[in-house]
Protein backbone atom coordinates (compact mmCIF):
# COMPACT_ATOMS: atom_id res chain seq x y z
CA MET A 1 7.34 -20.05 -36.22
CA ARG A 2 5.64 -19.33 -33.20
CA THR A 3 7.49 -18.25 -30.02
CA ASP A 4 6.81 -19.26 -26.44
CA PHE A 5 5.13 -15.96 -25.84
CA GLU A 6 2.38 -16.26 -28.47
CA ASN A 7 1.50 -19.58 -26.97
CA LYS A 8 0.60 -18.32 -23.61
CA PRO A 9 -2.64 -16.44 -23.81
CA ASP A 10 -2.46 -15.19 -20.10
CA LEU A 11 0.51 -12.80 -20.96
CA LYS A 12 -0.24 -9.49 -22.57
CA ARG A 13 2.18 -7.84 -24.80
CA ASN A 14 0.58 -4.46 -25.01
CA ALA A 15 -1.44 -4.16 -21.72
CA PRO A 16 -1.51 -0.73 -20.32
CA SER A 17 0.83 -0.30 -17.34
CA THR A 18 2.12 2.57 -15.28
CA ASP A 19 5.09 3.22 -12.80
CA ARG A 20 3.19 5.69 -10.77
CA LEU A 21 1.40 4.89 -7.57
CA PRO A 22 -1.96 6.23 -6.78
CA PRO A 23 -2.34 8.91 -3.89
CA ILE A 24 -4.13 6.34 -1.81
CA ILE A 25 -1.05 4.16 -1.43
CA TYR A 26 1.06 7.10 -0.12
CA ALA A 27 -1.81 8.02 2.23
CA ILE A 28 -1.86 4.40 3.68
CA LEU A 29 1.91 4.52 4.00
CA GLY A 30 1.83 7.77 5.89
CA GLY A 31 -0.73 6.62 8.14
CA LEU A 32 1.11 3.48 8.95
CA VAL A 33 4.27 5.44 9.75
CA LEU A 34 2.30 7.77 12.16
CA LEU A 35 0.91 4.40 13.87
CA LEU A 36 4.40 3.15 14.23
CA VAL A 37 5.74 6.30 15.80
CA LEU A 38 2.74 6.63 18.13
CA ALA A 39 2.98 2.89 18.99
CA ALA A 40 6.83 3.29 19.65
CA TRP A 41 6.12 6.25 22.01
CA GLY A 42 3.48 4.19 23.70
CA CYS A 43 6.40 1.66 24.57
CA ALA A 44 8.73 4.42 26.11
CA GLY A 45 9.75 3.96 29.59
CA GLY A 46 11.71 7.27 30.18
CA GLY A 47 15.31 8.26 30.38
CA TYR A 48 17.37 7.86 27.38
CA ALA A 49 14.46 5.89 25.61
CA ASP A 50 12.76 9.26 24.95
CA PHE A 51 15.85 10.81 23.44
CA SER A 52 16.23 7.88 21.10
CA LEU A 53 12.43 7.90 20.26
CA ALA A 54 12.60 11.60 19.39
CA VAL A 55 15.75 10.84 17.07
CA VAL A 56 13.82 7.87 15.44
CA SER A 57 10.41 9.82 15.10
CA GLY A 58 12.74 12.72 13.25
CA LEU A 59 14.03 10.13 10.97
CA LEU A 60 10.70 8.72 10.10
CA LEU A 61 9.36 12.23 9.50
CA ILE A 62 12.26 12.97 7.22
CA ALA A 63 11.53 9.61 5.44
CA ILE A 64 8.04 10.77 4.71
CA ALA A 65 8.91 14.54 3.99
CA ILE A 66 11.49 13.88 1.09
CA PRO A 67 9.11 11.93 -1.23
CA PHE A 68 6.33 14.41 -0.31
CA VAL A 69 8.55 17.50 -1.20
CA LEU A 70 9.91 15.68 -4.54
CA TRP A 71 6.41 15.10 -5.37
CA ARG A 72 5.34 18.84 -4.86
CA VAL A 73 8.16 19.94 -6.91
CA GLY A 74 7.63 17.60 -9.63
CA ARG A 75 3.97 18.70 -9.90
CA ALA A 76 4.66 22.29 -9.71
CA ASP A 77 7.02 21.81 -12.72
CA SER A 78 4.45 20.07 -14.81
CA ASP A 79 2.12 21.39 -17.49
CA PRO A 80 -1.50 21.04 -16.27
CA LYS A 81 -2.86 21.02 -19.87
CA THR A 82 -0.80 17.80 -20.86
CA ASP A 83 -1.04 15.96 -17.37
CA ALA A 84 -3.69 13.34 -17.27
CA LYS A 85 -5.88 13.07 -14.24
CA PRO A 86 -4.90 10.09 -12.03
CA GLU A 87 -6.92 7.02 -12.75
CA PRO A 88 -9.14 5.65 -9.90
CA PHE A 89 -7.57 3.15 -7.68
CA ALA A 90 -9.83 0.12 -8.80
CA ASP A 91 -8.50 0.74 -12.35
CA TRP A 92 -4.88 1.08 -11.27
CA ALA A 93 -5.14 -2.20 -9.17
CA ALA A 94 -6.61 -4.03 -12.05
CA GLY A 95 -3.88 -2.98 -14.40
CA ASP A 96 -0.16 -3.51 -14.49
CA PHE A 97 2.48 -1.86 -12.50
CA GLU A 98 6.19 -1.53 -13.79
CA THR A 99 8.98 -2.28 -11.68
CA TRP A 100 12.67 -1.98 -12.75
CA GLN A 101 12.40 -5.86 -13.21
CA ASP A 102 9.08 -6.97 -14.39
CA ARG A 103 5.41 -5.89 -14.37
CA VAL A 104 3.14 -7.10 -11.85
CA LYS A 105 -0.58 -6.58 -11.01
CA GLY A 106 -1.42 -3.28 -9.35
CA ARG A 107 -3.10 -5.14 -6.26
CA ASN A 108 -0.04 -7.20 -5.97
CA ALA A 109 2.34 -4.31 -6.04
CA ALA A 110 0.18 -2.46 -3.58
CA ALA A 111 0.33 -5.41 -1.13
CA GLU A 112 4.04 -5.62 -1.56
CA ILE A 113 4.75 -1.82 -0.93
CA ILE A 114 2.41 -1.66 2.08
CA LEU A 115 3.08 -5.04 3.74
CA PRO A 116 6.49 -4.25 5.39
CA ILE A 117 5.44 -0.85 7.07
CA ALA A 118 2.14 -2.52 8.09
CA ALA A 119 3.80 -5.42 9.77
CA ALA A 120 6.07 -3.08 11.56
CA ALA A 121 3.32 -0.85 12.67
CA VAL A 122 1.06 -3.70 13.88
CA GLY A 123 3.97 -5.40 15.55
CA MET A 124 4.96 -2.12 17.55
CA THR A 125 1.36 -1.73 18.36
CA ALA A 126 1.12 -5.15 19.82
CA PHE A 127 4.44 -4.34 21.78
CA ALA A 128 2.75 -1.24 23.15
CA ILE A 129 -0.40 -3.06 24.32
CA VAL A 130 1.54 -5.92 25.88
CA PHE A 131 3.87 -3.13 27.69
CA HIS A 132 0.73 -1.30 28.99
CA TYR A 133 -0.97 -4.41 30.09
CA ALA A 134 2.13 -5.69 31.93
CA ALA A 135 2.89 -2.45 33.48
CA SER A 136 -0.73 -1.96 34.79
CA HIS A 137 -0.73 -5.47 36.41
CA ALA A 138 2.87 -5.49 37.83
CA SER A 139 2.93 -5.79 41.47
CA MET A 140 4.68 -3.18 43.48
């Protein structure tokens, strides 16, 4: 008796997958957080806004620093003889990425991971551009 899984040729039972992200994803996320912070400071008007932005910038710095420190601690505790070299991004993107619910294609996982912070960074940059344009063209 055949199951539904065996009738679907596009599903792979033993396809290689990973639950680790390549370093380029972390670099992109870090760059987008930096862009978000710079754009937020570009919208600052003064007064209490500067204090609030300093607090938010510190929180974003901590949000980036904690995974970085955990990565460094895990890397220092590993055995270099048994650890494999990270695969190239193109191979990772073509493979499967394991989430706690399912497996998704690497390129889809990368888009889903990067998209929220990219939307926030691009939106804040647009606000900063509009703020500077409006401030420079305001009549006194």
